[in-house]
Amino acid sequence: MTAVLAVRRLPFKAAPIAALLIMAALFAARTADDDATSSPPSVVGEALTILTADGTTARLQAEIAESLEQRSQGLMRRTSLAPDSGMLFIIEPPGRGFWMKDTPLSLTVAFIADCGEIVDFADLDPLSEEVKNTEGRYVFALEMERGWFAANQVAVGDVIQLPQRLQAGGC
């Protein structure tokens, strides 16, 4: 109420400016409140299976990062992952690469072609802003704790069985 009285005492031309400043301050306070209580974007978890060249399988649980917001957030600020779990990214547009800004985990990313074939791997160092990429064409990427792919004998050429809704036609 004090602010309203102060606006009324200002010369006519200054009143709209003062009102705009008050509204901007109220909006800024509201936005700061929203940011403080917001949670990371939710992602859908899916059970995935990787078929290896020798016929064995590796099973994992993956959060699916489909939206731009989910892909941008990724695994940022996470300090641990549950055993045999990671994040599958749908890459749009394909081939942009990965970095570890604000991600304290030690990860490996598998670059995956449209039918699920792993085309390459890259180790990702915690908190690094170095972009890791591959020359192979990929439209998905799976981030897992470093060492998981090796421990499960997953290699280039192995195939991840993608959820039906993510499979490209002809796969």
N, C-alpha and C. Protein backbone atom coordinates (compact mmCIF):
# COMPACT_ATOMS: atom_id res chain seq x y z
N MET A 1 0.82 -1.18 0.00
CA MET A 1 0.00 0.00 0.00
C MET A 1 0.86 1.25 0.00
N THR A 2 1.99 1.20 0.66
CA THR A 2 2.89 2.34 0.66
C THR A 2 3.36 2.65 -0.74
N ALA A 3 3.67 1.61 -1.51
CA ALA A 3 4.13 1.81 -2.88
C ALA A 3 3.06 2.48 -3.72
N VAL A 4 1.82 2.11 -3.55
CA VAL A 4 0.73 2.71 -4.31
C VAL A 4 0.60 4.19 -3.96
N LEU A 5 0.69 4.53 -2.68
CA LEU A 5 0.61 5.94 -2.27
C LEU A 5 1.77 6.73 -2.85
N ALA A 6 2.97 6.11 -2.87
CA ALA A 6 4.13 6.80 -3.41
C ALA A 6 3.94 7.07 -4.90
N VAL A 7 3.34 6.13 -5.61
CA VAL A 7 3.10 6.32 -7.04
C VAL A 7 2.13 7.47 -7.26
N ARG A 8 1.13 7.59 -6.43
CA ARG A 8 0.14 8.66 -6.60
C ARG A 8 0.74 10.04 -6.36
N ARG A 9 1.78 10.13 -5.56
CA ARG A 9 2.39 11.43 -5.27
C ARG A 9 3.38 11.86 -6.34
N LEU A 10 3.79 10.92 -7.22
CA LEU A 10 4.75 11.25 -8.26
C LEU A 10 4.07 12.09 -9.35
N PRO A 11 4.84 12.89 -10.05
CA PRO A 11 4.25 13.62 -11.18
C PRO A 11 3.62 12.63 -12.15
N PHE A 12 2.63 13.04 -12.90
CA PHE A 12 1.84 12.18 -13.77
C PHE A 12 2.71 11.34 -14.70
N LYS A 13 3.76 11.92 -15.32
CA LYS A 13 4.59 11.19 -16.27
C LYS A 13 5.45 10.13 -15.59
N ALA A 14 5.79 10.28 -14.34
CA ALA A 14 6.65 9.32 -13.64
C ALA A 14 5.86 8.14 -13.08
N ALA A 15 4.56 8.29 -12.89
CA ALA A 15 3.74 7.23 -12.28
C ALA A 15 3.78 5.92 -13.06
N PRO A 16 3.63 5.94 -14.40
CA PRO A 16 3.69 4.67 -15.12
C PRO A 16 5.04 3.97 -14.99
N ILE A 17 6.11 4.73 -14.96
CA ILE A 17 7.46 4.16 -14.82
C ILE A 17 7.60 3.52 -13.44
N ALA A 18 7.14 4.20 -12.42
CA ALA A 18 7.21 3.64 -11.07
C ALA A 18 6.37 2.37 -10.97
N ALA A 19 5.20 2.36 -11.58
CA ALA A 19 4.34 1.18 -11.55
C ALA A 19 5.02 0.01 -12.25
N LEU A 20 5.67 0.27 -13.38
CA LEU A 20 6.39 -0.78 -14.09
C LEU A 20 7.54 -1.34 -13.25
N LEU A 21 8.25 -0.48 -12.56
CA LEU A 21 9.35 -0.94 -11.71
C LEU A 21 8.84 -1.83 -10.57
N ILE A 22 7.72 -1.45 -9.98
CA ILE A 22 7.14 -2.25 -8.90
C ILE A 22 6.71 -3.62 -9.45
N MET A 23 6.06 -3.63 -10.62
CA MET A 23 5.62 -4.90 -11.20
C MET A 23 6.82 -5.77 -11.56
N ALA A 24 7.89 -5.18 -12.06
CA ALA A 24 9.10 -5.94 -12.39
C ALA A 24 9.70 -6.55 -11.14
N ALA A 25 9.73 -5.81 -10.04
CA ALA A 25 10.27 -6.33 -8.79
C ALA A 25 9.43 -7.49 -8.27
N LEU A 26 8.11 -7.37 -8.36
CA LEU A 26 7.22 -8.46 -7.92
C LEU A 26 7.40 -9.69 -8.80
N PHE A 27 7.54 -9.50 -10.11
CA PHE A 27 7.75 -10.61 -11.03
C PHE A 27 9.08 -11.31 -10.74
N ALA A 28 10.13 -10.52 -10.50
CA ALA A 28 11.45 -11.09 -10.20
C ALA A 28 11.40 -11.92 -8.92
N ALA A 29 10.70 -11.44 -7.91
CA ALA A 29 10.57 -12.20 -6.66
C ALA A 29 9.82 -13.49 -6.90
N ARG A 30 8.78 -13.45 -7.69
CA ARG A 30 7.98 -14.66 -7.99
C ARG A 30 8.83 -15.67 -8.77
N THR A 31 9.59 -15.22 -9.76
CA THR A 31 10.43 -16.10 -10.57
C THR A 31 11.51 -16.75 -9.70
N ALA A 32 12.11 -16.01 -8.79
CA ALA A 32 13.13 -16.58 -7.89
C ALA A 32 12.53 -17.66 -7.03
N ASP A 33 11.31 -17.46 -6.54
CA ASP A 33 10.61 -18.49 -5.75
C ASP A 33 10.39 -19.74 -6.57
N ASP A 34 9.93 -19.58 -7.81
CA ASP A 34 9.67 -20.72 -8.68
C ASP A 34 10.94 -21.51 -8.94
N ASP A 35 12.06 -20.81 -9.21
CA ASP A 35 13.33 -21.49 -9.48
C ASP A 35 13.82 -22.26 -8.28
N ALA A 36 13.62 -21.75 -7.09
CA ALA A 36 14.11 -22.39 -5.88
C ALA A 36 13.38 -23.69 -5.59
N THR A 37 12.13 -23.80 -6.02
CA THR A 37 11.36 -25.00 -5.70
C THR A 37 11.19 -25.93 -6.90
N SER A 38 11.70 -25.56 -8.06
CA SER A 38 11.49 -26.42 -9.23
C SER A 38 12.35 -27.66 -9.12
N SER A 39 11.86 -28.75 -9.67
CA SER A 39 12.59 -30.01 -9.67
C SER A 39 13.05 -30.30 -11.08
N PRO A 40 14.01 -31.23 -11.24
CA PRO A 40 14.46 -31.56 -12.59
C PRO A 40 13.29 -32.12 -13.40
N PRO A 41 13.34 -31.97 -14.72
CA PRO A 41 12.25 -32.49 -15.53
C PRO A 41 12.13 -33.99 -15.37
N SER A 42 10.91 -34.49 -15.28
CA SER A 42 10.74 -35.92 -15.08
C SER A 42 11.03 -36.67 -16.38
N VAL A 43 11.54 -37.87 -16.23
CA VAL A 43 11.85 -38.72 -17.37
C VAL A 43 11.22 -40.08 -17.13
N VAL A 44 10.95 -40.77 -18.21
CA VAL A 44 10.32 -42.08 -18.13
C VAL A 44 11.39 -43.15 -18.05
N GLY A 45 11.25 -44.09 -17.12
CA GLY A 45 12.20 -45.20 -17.00
C GLY A 45 11.73 -46.40 -17.80
N GLU A 46 12.67 -47.08 -18.44
CA GLU A 46 12.36 -48.26 -19.26
C GLU A 46 13.40 -49.33 -19.02
N ALA A 47 12.98 -50.59 -19.04
CA ALA A 47 13.91 -51.71 -18.99
C ALA A 47 14.43 -51.92 -20.41
N LEU A 48 15.74 -51.98 -20.55
CA LEU A 48 16.36 -52.19 -21.86
C LEU A 48 17.24 -53.43 -21.81
N THR A 49 17.40 -54.06 -22.97
CA THR A 49 18.28 -55.22 -23.11
C THR A 49 19.26 -54.95 -24.23
N ILE A 50 20.51 -55.30 -24.01
CA ILE A 50 21.54 -55.21 -25.04
C ILE A 50 21.92 -56.63 -25.45
N LEU A 51 21.86 -56.90 -26.75
CA LEU A 51 22.26 -58.21 -27.29
C LEU A 51 23.71 -58.10 -27.75
N THR A 52 24.58 -58.92 -27.16
CA THR A 52 26.00 -58.86 -27.52
C THR A 52 26.29 -59.81 -28.68
N ALA A 53 27.44 -59.62 -29.31
CA ALA A 53 27.84 -60.42 -30.47
C ALA A 53 27.93 -61.91 -30.13
N ASP A 54 28.28 -62.24 -28.88
CA ASP A 54 28.41 -63.65 -28.51
C ASP A 54 27.09 -64.27 -28.04
N GLY A 55 25.99 -63.52 -28.17
CA GLY A 55 24.67 -64.05 -27.84
C GLY A 55 24.21 -63.84 -26.41
N THR A 56 25.04 -63.24 -25.58
CA THR A 56 24.60 -62.96 -24.21
C THR A 56 23.81 -61.66 -24.18
N THR A 57 23.18 -61.40 -23.06
CA THR A 57 22.42 -60.16 -22.92
C THR A 57 22.87 -59.40 -21.69
N ALA A 58 22.70 -58.10 -21.75
CA ALA A 58 22.95 -57.23 -20.61
C ALA A 58 21.66 -56.45 -20.40
N ARG A 59 21.19 -56.44 -19.18
CA ARG A 59 19.93 -55.75 -18.88
C ARG A 59 20.21 -54.51 -18.03
N LEU A 60 19.41 -53.47 -18.28
CA LEU A 60 19.58 -52.23 -17.55
C LEU A 60 18.26 -51.49 -17.47
N GLN A 61 18.22 -50.52 -16.59
CA GLN A 61 17.07 -49.62 -16.47
C GLN A 61 17.54 -48.26 -16.93
N ALA A 62 16.82 -47.66 -17.88
CA ALA A 62 17.25 -46.37 -18.41
C ALA A 62 16.12 -45.35 -18.32
N GLU A 63 16.46 -44.18 -17.83
CA GLU A 63 15.56 -43.04 -17.94
C GLU A 63 15.66 -42.57 -19.39
N ILE A 64 14.55 -42.21 -19.98
CA ILE A 64 14.53 -41.77 -21.37
C ILE A 64 14.40 -40.26 -21.41
N ALA A 65 15.43 -39.60 -21.94
CA ALA A 65 15.42 -38.14 -22.07
C ALA A 65 14.95 -37.80 -23.48
N GLU A 66 13.67 -37.46 -23.60
CA GLU A 66 13.07 -37.22 -24.91
C GLU A 66 12.95 -35.75 -25.26
N SER A 67 12.52 -34.93 -24.32
CA SER A 67 12.31 -33.52 -24.61
C SER A 67 13.63 -32.75 -24.56
N LEU A 68 13.63 -31.57 -25.14
CA LEU A 68 14.81 -30.72 -25.11
C LEU A 68 15.21 -30.42 -23.66
N GLU A 69 14.22 -30.14 -22.82
CA GLU A 69 14.50 -29.85 -21.41
C GLU A 69 15.14 -31.05 -20.70
N GLN A 70 14.61 -32.25 -20.95
CA GLN A 70 15.17 -33.46 -20.34
C GLN A 70 16.58 -33.72 -20.84
N ARG A 71 16.81 -33.54 -22.14
CA ARG A 71 18.15 -33.76 -22.70
C ARG A 71 19.14 -32.74 -22.16
N SER A 72 18.70 -31.49 -22.01
CA SER A 72 19.59 -30.45 -21.48
C SER A 72 19.96 -30.73 -20.03
N GLN A 73 19.02 -31.22 -19.24
CA GLN A 73 19.27 -31.55 -17.83
C GLN A 73 20.12 -32.80 -17.70
N GLY A 74 19.80 -33.83 -18.47
CA GLY A 74 20.55 -35.08 -18.43
C GLY A 74 20.75 -35.56 -17.00
N LEU A 75 21.98 -35.93 -16.68
CA LEU A 75 22.31 -36.42 -15.33
C LEU A 75 22.99 -35.34 -14.48
N MET A 76 22.82 -34.08 -14.86
CA MET A 76 23.42 -32.98 -14.11
C MET A 76 23.08 -33.07 -12.62
N ARG A 77 24.06 -32.76 -11.82
CA ARG A 77 23.94 -32.66 -10.36
C ARG A 77 23.65 -33.99 -9.66
N ARG A 78 23.60 -35.08 -10.39
CA ARG A 78 23.41 -36.38 -9.75
C ARG A 78 24.76 -36.82 -9.19
N THR A 79 24.73 -37.39 -8.03
CA THR A 79 25.98 -37.85 -7.41
C THR A 79 26.10 -39.37 -7.44
N SER A 80 25.03 -40.05 -7.84
CA SER A 80 25.09 -41.51 -7.96
C SER A 80 23.99 -41.99 -8.88
N LEU A 81 24.16 -43.22 -9.34
CA LEU A 81 23.14 -43.90 -10.14
C LEU A 81 22.86 -45.24 -9.48
N ALA A 82 21.64 -45.71 -9.59
CA ALA A 82 21.33 -47.05 -9.10
C ALA A 82 22.11 -48.07 -9.93
N PRO A 83 22.40 -49.24 -9.37
CA PRO A 83 23.12 -50.26 -10.15
C PRO A 83 22.38 -50.58 -11.45
N ASP A 84 23.13 -50.79 -12.51
CA ASP A 84 22.58 -51.15 -13.82
C ASP A 84 21.57 -50.14 -14.33
N SER A 85 21.80 -48.87 -14.06
CA SER A 85 20.88 -47.84 -14.56
C SER A 85 21.66 -46.70 -15.21
N GLY A 86 20.97 -46.02 -16.12
CA GLY A 86 21.57 -44.90 -16.83
C GLY A 86 20.51 -44.07 -17.49
N MET A 87 20.92 -43.32 -18.53
CA MET A 87 19.98 -42.45 -19.23
C MET A 87 20.17 -42.61 -20.73
N LEU A 88 19.05 -42.85 -21.43
CA LEU A 88 19.04 -42.94 -22.89
C LEU A 88 18.55 -41.61 -23.44
N PHE A 89 19.35 -41.00 -24.29
CA PHE A 89 19.01 -39.72 -24.90
C PHE A 89 18.54 -39.93 -26.33
N ILE A 90 17.45 -39.27 -26.71
CA ILE A 90 17.03 -39.21 -28.10
C ILE A 90 17.66 -37.94 -28.65
N ILE A 91 18.51 -38.09 -29.63
CA ILE A 91 19.32 -36.97 -30.12
C ILE A 91 18.61 -36.29 -31.31
N GLU A 92 18.25 -35.03 -31.12
CA GLU A 92 17.62 -34.23 -32.17
C GLU A 92 18.23 -32.83 -32.14
N PRO A 93 18.89 -32.39 -33.17
CA PRO A 93 19.27 -33.14 -34.36
C PRO A 93 20.41 -34.11 -34.03
N PRO A 94 20.57 -35.15 -34.84
CA PRO A 94 21.61 -36.16 -34.58
C PRO A 94 23.01 -35.58 -34.57
N GLY A 95 23.87 -36.20 -33.75
CA GLY A 95 25.30 -35.94 -33.81
C GLY A 95 25.84 -34.70 -33.15
N ARG A 96 25.26 -34.23 -32.04
CA ARG A 96 25.71 -32.99 -31.43
C ARG A 96 26.82 -33.18 -30.40
N GLY A 97 27.01 -34.36 -29.87
CA GLY A 97 28.06 -34.59 -28.88
C GLY A 97 27.58 -34.44 -27.46
N PHE A 98 28.48 -34.80 -26.51
CA PHE A 98 28.14 -34.79 -25.09
C PHE A 98 29.24 -34.11 -24.28
N TRP A 99 28.82 -33.47 -23.19
CA TRP A 99 29.75 -32.90 -22.23
C TRP A 99 29.22 -33.19 -20.84
N MET A 100 29.99 -32.83 -19.81
CA MET A 100 29.64 -33.19 -18.44
C MET A 100 29.46 -31.98 -17.54
N LYS A 101 29.09 -30.85 -18.12
CA LYS A 101 28.89 -29.64 -17.32
C LYS A 101 27.95 -29.95 -16.15
N ASP A 102 28.38 -29.62 -14.95
CA ASP A 102 27.60 -29.81 -13.72
C ASP A 102 27.22 -31.27 -13.44
N THR A 103 27.97 -32.21 -14.01
CA THR A 103 27.70 -33.64 -13.78
C THR A 103 28.92 -34.25 -13.09
N PRO A 104 28.82 -34.55 -11.79
CA PRO A 104 29.97 -35.05 -11.03
C PRO A 104 30.24 -36.55 -11.17
N LEU A 105 29.49 -37.24 -12.01
CA LEU A 105 29.67 -38.68 -12.18
C LEU A 105 30.73 -38.98 -13.23
N SER A 106 31.34 -40.14 -13.13
CA SER A 106 32.27 -40.64 -14.14
C SER A 106 31.47 -41.60 -15.03
N LEU A 107 31.24 -41.20 -16.28
CA LEU A 107 30.34 -41.94 -17.16
C LEU A 107 31.02 -42.37 -18.45
N THR A 108 30.38 -43.31 -19.13
CA THR A 108 30.72 -43.66 -20.51
C THR A 108 29.44 -43.52 -21.30
N VAL A 109 29.54 -42.95 -22.50
CA VAL A 109 28.39 -42.82 -23.37
C VAL A 109 28.57 -43.78 -24.55
N ALA A 110 27.50 -44.51 -24.87
CA ALA A 110 27.45 -45.35 -26.07
C ALA A 110 26.65 -44.59 -27.11
N PHE A 111 27.23 -44.39 -28.28
CA PHE A 111 26.54 -43.73 -29.39
C PHE A 111 25.81 -44.82 -30.17
N ILE A 112 24.52 -44.60 -30.47
CA ILE A 112 23.67 -45.66 -30.99
C ILE A 112 22.97 -45.22 -32.27
N ALA A 113 23.05 -46.07 -33.30
CA ALA A 113 22.38 -45.79 -34.58
C ALA A 113 20.87 -45.99 -34.44
N ASP A 114 20.13 -45.60 -35.48
CA ASP A 114 18.67 -45.59 -35.39
C ASP A 114 18.03 -46.96 -35.15
N CYS A 115 18.67 -48.06 -35.50
CA CYS A 115 18.11 -49.39 -35.25
C CYS A 115 18.68 -50.03 -33.99
N GLY A 116 19.45 -49.29 -33.21
CA GLY A 116 19.95 -49.78 -31.93
C GLY A 116 21.38 -50.26 -31.90
N GLU A 117 22.08 -50.26 -33.03
CA GLU A 117 23.47 -50.73 -33.06
C GLU A 117 24.39 -49.69 -32.42
N ILE A 118 25.25 -50.16 -31.53
CA ILE A 118 26.24 -49.27 -30.89
C ILE A 118 27.35 -49.01 -31.90
N VAL A 119 27.60 -47.73 -32.19
CA VAL A 119 28.61 -47.37 -33.19
C VAL A 119 29.91 -46.89 -32.57
N ASP A 120 29.88 -46.49 -31.28
CA ASP A 120 31.10 -46.02 -30.64
C ASP A 120 30.82 -45.77 -29.16
N PHE A 121 31.91 -45.59 -28.40
CA PHE A 121 31.85 -45.24 -26.98
C PHE A 121 32.77 -44.05 -26.74
N ALA A 122 32.50 -43.30 -25.69
CA ALA A 122 33.40 -42.24 -25.24
C ALA A 122 33.30 -42.15 -23.72
N ASP A 123 34.45 -42.06 -23.06
CA ASP A 123 34.46 -41.82 -21.62
C ASP A 123 34.26 -40.34 -21.37
N LEU A 124 33.44 -40.04 -20.37
CA LEU A 124 33.11 -38.66 -20.01
C LEU A 124 33.64 -38.37 -18.61
N ASP A 125 34.49 -37.37 -18.50
CA ASP A 125 35.08 -37.02 -17.21
C ASP A 125 34.16 -36.10 -16.41
N PRO A 126 34.07 -36.32 -15.10
CA PRO A 126 33.20 -35.50 -14.26
C PRO A 126 33.47 -34.00 -14.44
N LEU A 127 32.41 -33.25 -14.57
CA LEU A 127 32.40 -31.79 -14.63
C LEU A 127 33.14 -31.20 -15.84
N SER A 128 33.56 -32.03 -16.78
CA SER A 128 34.30 -31.55 -17.95
C SER A 128 33.35 -30.87 -18.95
N GLU A 129 33.82 -29.80 -19.55
CA GLU A 129 33.05 -29.13 -20.59
C GLU A 129 33.58 -29.47 -21.98
N GLU A 130 34.48 -30.45 -22.06
CA GLU A 130 34.97 -30.93 -23.35
C GLU A 130 33.87 -31.75 -24.02
N VAL A 131 33.54 -31.41 -25.26
CA VAL A 131 32.50 -32.13 -26.00
C VAL A 131 33.11 -33.39 -26.59
N LYS A 132 32.45 -34.53 -26.31
CA LYS A 132 32.88 -35.82 -26.86
C LYS A 132 31.87 -36.22 -27.92
N ASN A 133 32.37 -36.68 -29.05
CA ASN A 133 31.51 -37.03 -30.16
C ASN A 133 32.13 -38.21 -30.91
N THR A 134 31.50 -38.62 -31.96
CA THR A 134 32.01 -39.69 -32.80
C THR A 134 31.69 -39.36 -34.25
N GLU A 135 32.44 -39.95 -35.16
CA GLU A 135 32.18 -39.70 -36.57
C GLU A 135 31.01 -40.55 -37.08
N GLY A 136 30.71 -41.64 -36.38
CA GLY A 136 29.60 -42.50 -36.79
C GLY A 136 28.27 -41.79 -36.58
N ARG A 137 27.31 -42.08 -37.45
CA ARG A 137 25.98 -41.48 -37.33
C ARG A 137 25.25 -42.14 -36.16
N TYR A 138 24.66 -41.31 -35.32
CA TYR A 138 23.89 -41.83 -34.19
C TYR A 138 22.68 -40.94 -33.93
N VAL A 139 21.62 -41.56 -33.38
CA VAL A 139 20.42 -40.81 -33.05
C VAL A 139 20.01 -41.04 -31.60
N PHE A 140 20.73 -41.93 -30.92
CA PHE A 140 20.52 -42.18 -29.49
C PHE A 140 21.89 -42.21 -28.83
N ALA A 141 21.88 -41.99 -27.53
CA ALA A 141 23.10 -42.14 -26.74
C ALA A 141 22.69 -42.66 -25.37
N LEU A 142 23.47 -43.59 -24.85
CA LEU A 142 23.18 -44.18 -23.55
C LEU A 142 24.35 -43.89 -22.62
N GLU A 143 24.07 -43.14 -21.55
CA GLU A 143 25.09 -42.85 -20.54
C GLU A 143 24.93 -43.84 -19.39
N MET A 144 26.06 -44.48 -19.05
CA MET A 144 26.11 -45.43 -17.93
C MET A 144 27.36 -45.11 -17.12
N GLU A 145 27.41 -45.61 -15.88
CA GLU A 145 28.60 -45.41 -15.07
C GLU A 145 29.80 -46.00 -15.80
N ARG A 146 30.93 -45.30 -15.68
CA ARG A 146 32.14 -45.77 -16.35
C ARG A 146 32.47 -47.18 -15.87
N GLY A 147 32.75 -48.04 -16.81
CA GLY A 147 33.08 -49.43 -16.50
C GLY A 147 31.91 -50.39 -16.70
N TRP A 148 30.67 -49.87 -16.76
CA TRP A 148 29.51 -50.75 -16.88
C TRP A 148 29.53 -51.52 -18.19
N PHE A 149 29.80 -50.84 -19.31
CA PHE A 149 29.80 -51.52 -20.61
C PHE A 149 30.87 -52.61 -20.65
N ALA A 150 32.07 -52.31 -20.17
CA ALA A 150 33.15 -53.31 -20.15
C ALA A 150 32.79 -54.48 -19.24
N ALA A 151 32.25 -54.20 -18.06
CA ALA A 151 31.89 -55.26 -17.11
C ALA A 151 30.82 -56.18 -17.68
N ASN A 152 29.99 -55.65 -18.56
CA ASN A 152 28.92 -56.45 -19.17
C ASN A 152 29.27 -56.92 -20.58
N GLN A 153 30.54 -56.77 -20.95
CA GLN A 153 31.08 -57.21 -22.24
C GLN A 153 30.29 -56.67 -23.43
N VAL A 154 29.88 -55.40 -23.32
CA VAL A 154 29.16 -54.73 -24.39
C VAL A 154 30.19 -54.02 -25.26
N ALA A 155 30.08 -54.21 -26.59
CA ALA A 155 31.08 -53.67 -27.51
C ALA A 155 30.40 -53.00 -28.71
N VAL A 156 31.21 -52.30 -29.50
CA VAL A 156 30.73 -51.71 -30.75
C VAL A 156 30.16 -52.84 -31.61
N GLY A 157 29.00 -52.60 -32.20
CA GLY A 157 28.32 -53.60 -33.01
C GLY A 157 27.20 -54.31 -32.27
N ASP A 158 27.24 -54.30 -30.94
CA ASP A 158 26.15 -54.90 -30.16
C ASP A 158 24.90 -54.04 -30.35
N VAL A 159 23.74 -54.63 -30.06
CA VAL A 159 22.48 -53.96 -30.36
C VAL A 159 21.62 -53.80 -29.11
N ILE A 160 21.16 -52.58 -28.90
CA ILE A 160 20.22 -52.27 -27.82
C ILE A 160 18.82 -52.44 -28.38
N GLN A 161 18.01 -53.24 -27.71
CA GLN A 161 16.62 -53.37 -28.11
C GLN A 161 15.88 -52.13 -27.62
N LEU A 162 15.55 -51.25 -28.54
CA LEU A 162 14.90 -49.98 -28.22
C LEU A 162 13.41 -50.19 -27.96
N PRO A 163 12.83 -49.37 -27.11
CA PRO A 163 11.38 -49.44 -26.93
C PRO A 163 10.67 -49.26 -28.28
N GLN A 164 9.57 -49.95 -28.46
CA GLN A 164 8.82 -49.93 -29.72
C GLN A 164 8.57 -48.50 -30.21
N ARG A 165 8.18 -47.60 -29.31
CA ARG A 165 7.83 -46.23 -29.71
C ARG A 165 9.03 -45.44 -30.24
N LEU A 166 10.26 -45.92 -29.98
CA LEU A 166 11.45 -45.21 -30.42
C LEU A 166 12.07 -45.82 -31.68
N GLN A 167 11.61 -47.00 -32.07
CA GLN A 167 12.22 -47.69 -33.20
C GLN A 167 11.87 -47.01 -34.52
N ALA A 168 12.88 -46.92 -35.35
CA ALA A 168 12.69 -46.36 -36.69
C ALA A 168 12.03 -47.42 -37.57
N GLY A 169 11.30 -46.96 -38.58
CA GLY A 169 10.70 -47.89 -39.52
C GLY A 169 11.78 -48.70 -40.24
N GLY A 170 11.53 -49.97 -40.47
CA GLY A 170 12.49 -50.82 -41.17
C GLY A 170 13.53 -51.46 -40.27
N CYS A 171 13.44 -51.27 -38.98
CA CYS A 171 14.42 -51.89 -38.07
C CYS A 171 13.95 -53.27 -37.63
